[in-house]
C-alpha cells in the first residue's frame, strides 16, 4: 500500500516509530521534524509534553495558546489587551517560524529564567531590527491618553499632550480614576491588581479571572461603544451608583453574574471591607508591596512585621484561599470571620493545613476582634 505525506502530497515511505497512526507517514526526515510540533500531541512520545510544545503548536496555527501553564510561562497572562497578545504571538511566530529557533531551545531558556534576554539577543542579531532608518513607533502611553481624551471631550482631539496633562492635574482624584479607566478600556485593557485603587474601586476585586472579562466587557460597552458620556460615568462613580448606571444602560444582567460586585460598588469609591484590599495585596505581582494598615491589622500581618518568612507564609495562605472556587469559599464569609476573630477556624475549614504550620498560623491569624462593647 502506498502512502502520501498529507502536507505536501509526495510519496511517503518513512513512518513515525513511536505510534501507529495512519497519518504518521512522511516523505523525508525534514518533513517529519517540521510536523513534530503538531504530531507530538497525537503520538506516544518518550518524554513529557512541555509548555513549549503547547506554545509551538499554537504558533504553527497562528493561535493564542490555551494551556493555562503555557499562557503563564510565556507572558500571555500578563498581556492585558488584545493588541498586546497579538504582538506577543507575533514575536513567538517570528522566533519559531522565521528564525527557526527550536522549541527545545526556548524550553531551555524558559527553564533557566533567561527567556527575555535570549529573545532580545536573537532579534538584535538581525540587522533590520536595529535599522536607524526605520521610524520608531508612536508612544503607546500618548496614544492611550489621546484616545481617552477624545471620548472625554466627545469630539476629535485637538489638544496637545501638555494641555491634556495641565487640565487633568486640576481634577479631583475620582475624576482622574475615571480618566485612567477610560485610557485602559479604550486600549482593550482593564485594571490589573497592581493598579491598587482602580482594581478595587471599579469592582474588579470581586471577580474571578473569567468574571474580570465580563466586567471589562460591561465597561467597554459603556465607554468604547459610547453608551454613556464621560460625565455620566464620573457622576455614577463618585456617587456610588455604578450599578444603577449599568441597569440604566441595560447592562445589569451581565453585572449580576458577578457575586459581590454590588457589595463592592455600593461603597465605591470611598468605603470598602478590608477583605477586598487583602485580595488586591495577595493578587499583586509586586512582591515588594506591603498591605495597607487595615489589612495589616485585620488579617494578621501585624503579627509578623519583623519576620519575612512568616509574612510570606501568611500571604501564600491567603493566595490559596482566594484561588478557591466561589463554593465553598466566599470573601464575605472571610470578612465575617475576620470581625468575629475566627480567621484560623475559617481558613482551617477550607484548606488542609500542614501540621508543621498549624501552630504558627494559629498565632499569625489572631487579630483584635471582636471588639469589646463599651
Protein backbone atom coordinates (compact mmCIF):
# COMPACT_ATOMS: atom_id res chain seq x y z
CA UNK A 1 0.00 0.00 0.00
CA UNK A 2 1.43 3.41 -0.98
CA UNK A 3 1.25 6.42 1.32
CA UNK A 4 1.49 10.14 0.79
CA UNK A 5 2.61 12.84 3.19
CA UNK A 6 -0.57 14.79 3.93
CA UNK A 7 1.11 18.24 3.91
CA UNK A 8 2.82 18.10 0.52
CA UNK A 9 1.26 15.07 -1.18
CA UNK A 10 4.64 13.50 -2.02
CA UNK A 11 5.09 9.70 -1.70
CA UNK A 12 5.77 8.85 1.93
CA UNK A 13 8.00 5.94 2.83
CA UNK A 14 9.01 6.90 6.39
CA UNK A 15 6.78 6.25 9.36
CA UNK A 16 6.83 7.56 12.92
CA UNK A 17 8.32 4.80 15.04
CA UNK A 18 6.50 5.98 18.15
CA UNK A 19 2.92 5.37 17.03
CA UNK A 20 0.72 3.55 14.53
CA UNK A 21 -1.44 6.40 13.26
CA UNK A 22 -2.38 6.05 9.60
CA UNK A 23 -1.45 9.70 9.06
CA UNK A 24 2.05 9.39 10.54
CA UNK A 25 3.84 8.78 7.20
CA UNK A 26 6.43 11.24 5.93
CA UNK A 27 8.29 11.87 2.69
CA UNK A 28 11.52 12.87 4.45
CA UNK A 29 13.14 13.29 7.84
CA UNK A 30 12.95 17.06 7.37
CA UNK A 31 9.15 16.93 6.89
CA UNK A 32 8.84 14.76 9.97
CA UNK A 33 10.82 17.26 12.05
CA UNK A 34 8.66 20.16 10.81
CA UNK A 35 5.45 18.29 11.66
CA UNK A 36 6.66 17.16 15.09
CA UNK A 37 5.27 20.24 16.88
CA UNK A 38 1.77 19.03 15.92
CA UNK A 39 2.34 15.27 15.86
CA UNK A 40 3.73 15.11 19.40
CA UNK A 41 0.17 15.59 20.71
CA UNK A 42 -1.06 12.54 18.74
CA UNK A 43 1.99 10.39 19.26
CA UNK A 44 3.32 8.40 22.19
CA UNK A 45 6.47 10.46 22.88
CA UNK A 46 9.27 9.20 25.10
CA UNK A 47 9.27 12.47 27.06
CA UNK A 48 6.63 14.59 28.76
CA UNK A 49 4.85 17.27 26.72
CA UNK A 50 6.10 20.69 27.83
CA UNK A 51 4.59 24.16 27.81
CA UNK A 52 6.93 24.99 24.91
CA UNK A 53 5.30 22.17 22.90
CA UNK A 54 1.94 23.84 23.50
CA UNK A 55 3.44 27.20 22.50
CA UNK A 56 4.97 25.80 19.29
CA UNK A 57 1.69 24.17 18.26
CA UNK A 58 -0.19 27.44 18.82
CA UNK A 59 2.42 29.33 16.81
CA UNK A 60 2.14 26.99 13.80
CA UNK A 61 -1.65 27.59 13.85
CA UNK A 62 -1.21 31.33 14.47
CA UNK A 63 -3.48 30.99 17.51
CA UNK A 64 -3.11 32.05 21.13
CA UNK A 65 -2.09 29.14 23.40
CA UNK A 66 -4.90 27.74 25.54
CA UNK A 67 -2.96 25.61 28.02
CA UNK A 68 -3.06 27.61 31.33
CA UNK A 69 0.57 26.96 32.31
CA UNK A 70 1.77 27.89 28.82
CA UNK A 71 -0.22 31.12 29.00
CA UNK A 72 1.54 31.89 32.29
CA UNK A 73 5.06 30.75 31.30
CA UNK A 74 5.24 32.78 28.11
CA UNK A 75 3.67 36.07 29.17
CA UNK A 76 0.14 35.85 27.73
CA UNK A 77 -1.39 36.10 31.22
CA UNK A 78 0.30 39.49 31.63
CA UNK A 79 -0.75 40.83 28.22
CA UNK A 80 -3.89 42.68 29.28
CA UNK A 81 -5.06 43.86 25.84
CA UNK A 82 -5.83 42.04 22.61
CA UNK A 83 -3.22 44.22 20.90
CA UNK A 84 -0.55 43.13 23.40
CA UNK A 85 -1.49 39.46 22.99
CA UNK A 86 -1.32 39.73 19.19
CA UNK A 87 2.10 41.39 19.43
CA UNK A 88 3.36 38.68 21.78
CA UNK A 89 2.10 35.92 19.48
CA UNK A 90 3.79 37.68 16.56
CA UNK A 91 7.06 37.72 18.49
CA UNK A 92 6.91 33.94 19.00
CA UNK A 93 5.90 33.37 15.36
CA UNK A 94 8.99 35.33 14.31
CA UNK A 95 11.16 33.39 16.73
CA UNK A 96 9.95 29.90 15.83
CA UNK A 97 8.77 30.12 12.21
CA UNK A 98 11.01 32.81 10.75
CA UNK A 99 14.21 32.48 12.78
CA UNK A 100 13.87 28.70 13.25
CA UNK A 101 14.63 28.73 16.97
CA UNK A 102 13.69 25.24 18.16
CA UNK A 103 11.08 24.69 20.88
CA UNK A 104 13.75 22.72 22.76
CA UNK A 105 15.99 25.80 22.86
CA UNK A 106 13.11 28.03 24.03
CA UNK A 107 12.29 25.47 26.74
CA UNK A 108 15.90 25.66 27.96
CA UNK A 109 15.71 29.48 28.11
CA UNK A 110 12.41 29.38 29.99
CA UNK A 111 13.63 26.78 32.48
CA UNK A 112 16.83 28.77 33.12
CA UNK A 113 14.94 32.03 33.61
CA UNK A 114 16.73 33.62 30.64
CA UNK A 115 13.84 33.77 28.17
CA UNK A 116 13.72 37.57 27.83
CA UNK A 117 17.47 38.26 27.35
CA UNK A 118 17.80 35.40 24.88
CA UNK A 119 14.81 36.57 22.83
CA UNK A 120 16.31 40.09 22.76
CA UNK A 121 19.72 38.78 21.74
CA UNK A 122 18.20 36.65 18.97
CA UNK A 123 16.30 39.53 17.41
CA UNK A 124 19.12 42.04 17.91
CA UNK A 125 21.37 39.79 15.81
CA UNK A 126 19.24 40.66 12.76
CA UNK A 127 20.40 43.90 11.06
CA UNK A 128 16.96 45.19 10.07
CA UNK A 129 15.74 45.17 13.67
CA UNK A 130 18.20 47.92 14.53
CA UNK A 131 17.97 49.81 11.21
CA UNK A 132 18.15 53.54 12.18
CA UNK A 133 16.18 54.47 9.05
CA UNK A 134 13.06 52.81 10.41
CA UNK A 135 10.66 55.18 12.18
CA UNK A 136 10.12 54.40 15.86
CA UNK A 137 6.54 53.52 16.85
CA UNK A 138 4.36 56.15 18.47
CA UNK A 139 4.45 56.31 22.25
CA UNK A 140 1.65 53.91 23.32
CA UNK A 141 1.02 55.92 26.51
CA UNK A 142 0.41 59.07 24.48
CA UNK A 143 -1.88 57.12 22.15
CA UNK A 144 -3.86 55.86 25.15
CA UNK A 145 -4.25 59.36 26.55
CA UNK A 146 -5.40 60.81 23.24
CA UNK A 147 -7.98 58.05 22.72
CA UNK A 148 -9.40 58.70 26.18
CA UNK A 149 -9.36 62.48 25.72
CA UNK A 150 -11.43 62.19 22.55
CA UNK A 151 -14.06 60.18 24.47
CA UNK A 152 -13.95 62.58 27.42
CA UNK A 153 -14.36 65.63 25.20
CA UNK A 154 -16.95 63.97 22.95
CA UNK A 155 -15.21 65.28 19.84
CA UNK A 156 -11.97 64.80 17.85
CA UNK A 157 -8.97 65.73 19.96
CA UNK A 158 -7.08 68.91 19.10
CA UNK A 159 -5.28 69.40 22.45
CA UNK A 160 -1.57 68.76 22.92
CA UNK A 161 -0.20 66.29 25.45
CA UNK A 162 0.84 69.19 27.70
CA UNK A 163 -2.61 70.78 27.52
CA UNK A 164 -4.27 67.47 28.41
CA UNK A 165 -1.89 66.95 31.36
CA UNK A 166 -2.44 70.50 32.63
CA UNK A 167 -6.21 70.13 32.71
CA UNK A 168 -6.14 66.65 34.24
CA UNK A 169 -3.93 67.90 37.06
CA UNK A 170 -6.78 70.15 38.27
CA UNK A 171 -9.29 67.30 38.52
CA UNK A 172 -10.31 65.60 41.79
CA UNK A 173 -8.94 62.12 42.43
CA UNK A 174 -12.21 60.38 41.49
CA UNK A 175 -12.32 62.07 38.09
CA UNK A 176 -8.70 61.08 37.45
CA UNK A 177 -9.65 57.47 38.30
CA UNK A 178 -12.39 57.56 35.63
CA UNK A 179 -9.95 59.03 33.13
CA UNK A 180 -7.43 56.25 33.75
CA UNK A 181 -10.15 53.61 33.40
CA UNK A 182 -11.07 55.12 30.02
CA UNK A 183 -7.39 55.03 28.99
CA UNK A 184 -7.31 51.29 29.70
CA UNK A 185 -10.69 50.29 28.29
CA UNK A 186 -10.17 52.20 25.04
CA UNK A 187 -6.84 50.37 24.65
CA UNK A 188 -8.57 46.99 25.14
CA UNK A 189 -7.22 46.57 28.67
CA UNK A 190 -8.66 46.64 32.16
CA UNK A 191 -7.11 47.44 35.56
CA UNK A 192 -4.73 44.79 36.95
CA UNK A 193 -4.30 44.28 40.73
CA UNK A 194 -1.13 46.41 40.60
CA UNK A 195 -3.34 49.46 39.96
CA UNK A 196 -4.45 49.42 43.57
CA UNK A 197 -7.36 51.80 43.68
CA UNK A 198 -8.83 51.16 40.24
CA UNK A 199 -8.84 47.37 40.62
CA UNK A 200 -10.81 47.73 43.84
CA UNK A 201 -12.93 50.82 43.24
CA UNK A 202 -14.26 49.74 39.84
CA UNK A 203 -15.17 46.29 41.18
CA UNK A 204 -12.56 44.02 39.60
CA UNK A 205 -11.59 42.81 43.07
CA UNK A 206 -14.96 40.99 43.27
CA UNK A 207 -14.16 38.95 40.14
CA UNK A 208 -12.52 35.70 39.22
CA UNK A 209 -10.30 35.89 36.12
CA UNK A 210 -13.25 34.92 33.90
CA UNK A 211 -15.51 37.42 35.64
CA UNK A 212 -12.95 40.19 35.13
CA UNK A 213 -13.50 39.76 31.40
CA UNK A 214 -17.28 40.05 31.91
CA UNK A 215 -16.88 43.26 33.90
CA UNK A 216 -14.37 44.64 31.38
CA UNK A 217 -16.95 43.96 28.65
CA UNK A 218 -19.54 45.97 30.61
CA UNK A 219 -17.19 48.97 30.89
CA UNK A 220 -16.27 48.51 27.22
CA UNK A 221 -19.90 48.85 26.20
CA UNK A 222 -20.25 51.95 28.35
CA UNK A 223 -17.06 53.63 27.14
CA UNK A 224 -15.90 52.21 23.83
CA UNK A 225 -19.43 51.80 22.47
CA UNK A 226 -20.34 55.20 23.98
CA UNK A 227 -23.45 54.05 25.81
CA UNK A 228 -22.73 56.76 28.35
CA UNK A 229 -20.80 60.01 28.41
CA UNK A 230 -17.70 60.54 30.50
CA UNK A 231 -19.65 62.87 32.79
CA UNK A 232 -22.29 60.16 33.35
CA UNK A 233 -19.57 57.66 34.23
CA UNK A 234 -17.84 60.12 36.57
CA UNK A 235 -21.09 61.09 38.32
CA UNK A 236 -22.05 57.43 38.85
CA UNK A 237 -18.60 56.60 40.18
CA UNK A 238 -18.32 59.46 42.67
CA UNK A 239 -21.92 58.96 43.88
CA UNK A 240 -21.57 55.16 44.35
CA UNK A 241 -24.27 54.46 41.72
CA UNK A 242 -22.36 52.47 39.09
CA UNK A 243 -24.79 49.55 39.46
CA UNK A 244 -27.69 51.91 38.68
CA UNK A 245 -25.77 53.14 35.63
CA UNK A 246 -25.31 49.54 34.44
CA UNK A 247 -29.04 48.93 34.87
CA UNK A 248 -30.00 52.12 33.03
CA UNK A 249 -27.87 51.10 30.04
CA UNK A 250 -29.28 47.54 30.02
CA UNK A 251 -26.02 46.04 31.26
CA UNK A 252 -27.26 44.97 34.69
CA UNK A 253 -27.76 41.33 33.68
CA UNK A 254 -24.07 40.90 32.87
CA UNK A 255 -23.02 42.67 36.06
CA UNK A 256 -25.29 40.48 38.18
CA UNK A 257 -23.34 37.40 37.07
CA UNK A 258 -20.57 38.53 39.43
CA UNK A 259 -21.20 37.74 43.12
CA UNK A 260 -20.49 40.65 45.48
CA UNK A 261 -19.95 43.18 42.69
CA UNK A 262 -22.85 45.22 44.05
CA UNK A 263 -21.43 44.95 47.59
CA UNK A 264 -18.16 46.48 46.36
CA UNK A 265 -19.62 49.18 44.12
CA UNK A 266 -22.24 50.47 46.54
CA UNK A 267 -19.41 51.80 48.72
CA UNK A 268 -17.09 52.83 45.91
CA UNK A 269 -15.02 54.96 45.74
CA UNK A 270 -14.86 55.67 49.48
CA UNK A 271 -15.87 52.72 51.68
CA UNK A 272 -14.84 49.06 51.36
CA UNK A 273 -14.46 45.99 53.52
CA UNK A 274 -10.73 45.39 54.02
CA UNK A 275 -11.07 41.88 52.55
CA UNK A 276 -11.02 43.41 49.06
CA UNK A 277 -7.71 45.14 49.74
CA UNK A 278 -6.41 41.85 51.16
CA UNK A 279 -7.31 40.18 47.87
CA UNK A 280 -5.62 43.01 45.95
CA UNK A 281 -2.47 42.64 48.07
CA UNK A 282 -2.09 38.90 47.53
CA UNK A 283 -3.06 39.10 43.82
CA UNK A 284 -0.45 41.76 43.01
CA UNK A 285 2.75 40.57 41.34
CA UNK A 286 4.68 43.32 43.13
CA UNK A 287 6.47 41.20 45.73
CA UNK A 288 7.89 44.27 47.47
CA UNK A 289 4.42 45.63 48.20
CA UNK A 290 3.16 45.88 51.77
CA UNK A 291 -0.51 45.66 52.84
CA UNK A 292 -2.40 48.81 53.79
CA UNK A 293 -2.84 49.41 57.57
CA UNK A 294 -6.39 47.99 57.79
CA UNK A 295 -5.27 44.75 56.13
CA UNK A 296 -2.17 44.60 58.35
CA UNK A 297 -4.33 44.75 61.48
CA UNK A 298 -7.38 42.78 60.32
CA UNK A 299 -5.66 39.82 58.69
CA UNK A 300 -2.70 39.10 60.94
CA UNK A 301 0.21 40.78 59.17
CA UNK A 302 0.81 42.87 62.29
CA UNK A 303 1.92 39.60 63.93
CA UNK A 304 4.85 39.14 61.54
CA UNK A 305 6.10 42.66 60.82
CA UNK A 306 9.72 41.71 61.51
CA UNK A 307 9.67 38.18 60.13
CA UNK A 308 9.75 37.95 56.33
CA UNK A 309 9.34 34.16 56.30
CA UNK A 310 6.16 34.34 58.37
CA UNK A 311 4.81 37.19 56.24
CA UNK A 312 5.40 35.08 53.12
CA UNK A 313 3.71 32.08 54.76
CA UNK A 314 0.65 34.18 55.61
CA UNK A 315 0.47 35.77 52.17
CA UNK A 316 0.74 32.37 50.47
CA UNK A 317 -2.04 31.07 52.71
CA UNK A 318 -4.40 33.83 51.61
CA UNK A 319 -3.39 33.25 47.97
CA UNK A 320 -4.55 29.66 48.33
CA UNK A 321 -7.82 30.82 49.89
CA UNK A 322 -8.60 33.30 47.12
CA UNK A 323 -7.72 30.69 44.48
CA UNK A 324 -10.60 28.50 45.69
CA UNK A 325 -13.83 28.50 43.64
CA UNK A 326 -16.88 30.51 44.78
CA UNK A 327 -18.15 27.43 46.58
CA UNK A 328 -17.07 26.73 49.28
CA UNK A 329 -15.07 29.99 49.55
CA UNK A 330 -16.83 33.33 49.91
CA UNK A 331 -14.83 36.55 50.51
CA UNK A 332 -17.65 37.98 52.63
CA UNK A 333 -17.53 34.95 54.90
CA UNK A 334 -13.79 35.56 55.30
CA UNK A 335 -14.67 39.15 56.20
CA UNK A 336 -17.21 37.91 58.80
CA UNK A 337 -14.63 35.52 60.26
CA UNK A 338 -12.24 38.45 60.50
CA UNK A 339 -14.59 40.68 62.52
CA UNK A 340 -15.51 37.74 64.73
CA UNK A 341 -11.85 36.97 65.45
CA UNK A 342 -12.19 33.49 63.89
CA UNK A 343 -9.81 33.64 60.95
CA UNK A 344 -7.95 30.46 61.83
CA UNK A 345 -11.14 28.45 62.25
CA UNK A 346 -12.50 29.66 58.90
CA UNK A 347 -9.29 29.01 56.98
CA UNK A 348 -8.83 25.61 58.62
CA UNK A 349 -12.29 24.66 57.34
CA UNK A 350 -11.27 25.50 53.77
CA UNK A 351 -7.70 24.21 53.47
CA UNK A 352 -5.78 21.22 54.69
CA UNK A 353 -3.04 22.95 56.66
CA UNK A 354 0.34 21.30 57.01
CA UNK A 355 0.87 20.04 60.54
CA UNK A 356 4.16 21.90 60.89
CA UNK A 357 2.45 25.20 60.00
CA UNK A 358 -0.65 24.89 62.19
CA UNK A 359 0.84 26.33 65.38
CA UNK A 360 2.44 29.36 63.74
CA UNK A 361 -0.65 30.06 61.61
CA UNK A 362 -2.89 29.95 64.67
CA UNK A 363 -0.70 32.70 66.14
CA UNK A 364 -0.47 34.72 62.94
CA UNK A 365 -4.21 34.65 62.28
CA UNK A 366 -5.07 36.36 65.56
CA UNK A 367 -6.49 39.87 65.33
CA UNK A 368 -8.05 42.38 67.81
CA UNK A 369 -11.62 41.25 67.06
CA UNK A 370 -14.32 41.01 68.16
CA UNK A 371 -14.09 44.49 69.62
CA UNK A 372 -15.36 44.82 73.19
CA UNK A 373 -18.68 46.56 73.86
CA UNK A 374 -18.49 49.86 75.75
